[in-house]
Amino acid sequence: MNWIWALPFVLLPLQPAWFMAVAALVGLWGVMRGLRPLAGWFGLAALLGMGGQFLTPTSLYTVPALPEYIKQTKSESRASNLIRPFDLDALHGWNHSDERGGWAVPLGDGFWRLPRYNPESGREQSEFLTDHWYPVEPGQTYTQSFYLRHDGQQARLQITFFTNRGQHNPVPTYVESVGTGVYRVWGSYTAKEGDSSVRAIDLLNQGGDFTYLEIGWAQLEAGTEPGSYRPGHTGEQSSLQRAWAWGSQMLLGWLVLVGGWFWRRYVDVRWVVGFVLLGLTLHLGYALWQLQDHNLGRAWGLTPQPNLLGHTAVMMGGLLQLLGGWRIGLLGLLGAGLGVAVSGSRTAFLALLALGLFWVWSLPRGRRWVLLTLGVSMLVFWRWPEVLGRLGQLGLDSSGQSRLQFWQVAWEAFLQHPVWGIGWSHFPLFFLQNPPPDFIELPTHAHNLVLSLLAEGGITLLVAFLLLNVGVLYRLVAGRSWPVVALWVLALGLNILDYSYFYAGVFGTLWIAVGWALGHVQYRCE
């Protein structure tokens, strides 16, 4: 019956969040039986990080006072506004020759000014839009509305609903004067089968004698006509929510570690290896089918996006090397290589090279021919990177340039709030309010672990993180658990150019491995 206890490990490559839930329950059982390894280090990191979140700014954004003509709007609606107040920071013009350009300038009264002509080329913009997408449900009618000012006698504009299917859907556009030189503009669209999101605000330029537009107080809501303006939810979390988010991460990581410690005593490692290999094989098989069936350039498997598939595959390769030695490690290395190839993650590819070196280091003998083979392969890849496709494009393309912009804004957030940060998970909001000129894309995170911690928690959160890692690393080195140290290095390396540390495929794998290794050390001491 030993294999039954190892069965949850099949979830680790497939659904790591589910695995962490099971591991946490096992860890809770271990805690009830007296196992409390590294509790002090995790507790210190949790308390320090949580305390800092109560001292971050209470709010990053204050909605300007509503003008009188908005307060007097009589139409009512219970539907929520999907557009956040600061989303109009991303307003810009577009034309076929220049593409994006002519970014909106905030005026401080809820309006953003857009030039009719691209400032660089002088060409007229054919469209005015943001790059924000909002979820919709097929069959539901949505109304897009905003307030408009301009400097001409006439501005002919048509609202369009651009959907995730890549289709423009221009709709009848209504204009109502609400005050001297101020108009409310709106249009409605019923989402069709296959529509899951729309872009807003999105306007087609139909001509007129204006030289600039001023757009403000935008709204996207369910309904056939615009309701009275209500600011969309900013996405900011309370201090308590942010403190709990950090504290729960620390608690979950610790319980998973205890679960690994507990499992180490009662489960045959061969069953664990077998189930991890099975889960990795199933996941990669699904990713390959996904790649071919959908004719895609990159697959994401069961993860939210391709980079996370690559990161998960590399962590599985490191875990298999830890559990099964160099022979099983070779299978893990091959599996990781396949995962990186189908995901197209360049950060994971660099980590894969490091994993290959760790594997060579683990060989008992005959290393020279392996080192020679790896050396020749790396030389070939360096000389002819095109054979690697996207993985060989490690220069500053648009993706690399966008990362530089993210880092720049994250560093600015740290400089503005160096001790406590701007708040856990608030970096995307800060970026929206402080976008660099001609930004390339909107972030979900800062694409770097250290900069993310500094931006969202300041020096306090970084110290909390370092204290935890130093405490754990000391125990690993003292126990000569070098394969786990290598896995720890891999997890941090994946977060130099990306930010996946707290994703379950990385976070859960790391702490189950640490628990497994420390459980073995403790077992030998008893």
Foldseek 3Di string as FASTA:
>chain_A
DLLVLLQLLLCLLPPLVVSLVVLLVLLVVLVVVPDQPPVVLLVLLLVLLLVLLQVFDQDPDDDADDDPLLVPFDFADPWFFQDALLQLQQKFFADPPPGTAQGWPDPPRFKTKGFQAGPPPRHGGFKIFGPDKDFDDAQFKKKKKWKKAFDFPDWDKWFWWQFPVRDTRTFDKDWADRDVRMIMIMGMDHHHPPGTITGPDMMGGPDGDTGMMMIGLIGMTTDGDDGRGDHHDLPDDGSNVQSVVSSVLSSSLSSSLSSLLSSLVRHDLVSNLVSNLNSLVVQLVQQVCVCVVVVDQAGCRNDPALQVQLLLLLLSLLLQCLSPNLVSSVVSLVSSVSSCLRSLHLLSVVLSLLSLVVSLVRDPDPSPVVVVVSVVVVVVCVVCVVVSPSNSPPDCDLLNVLLVQLLVQLVVLCVVPAAAANAQQCSLSSCSVVPDPPRRDRDSANLADVSRQCHHGHPSSVVSVVSSVVVLVVLCVVLVSVSLVSLVVSLNSSRHRGDCCSPSSNSSSSSSSSSNSVSVSVVVVD
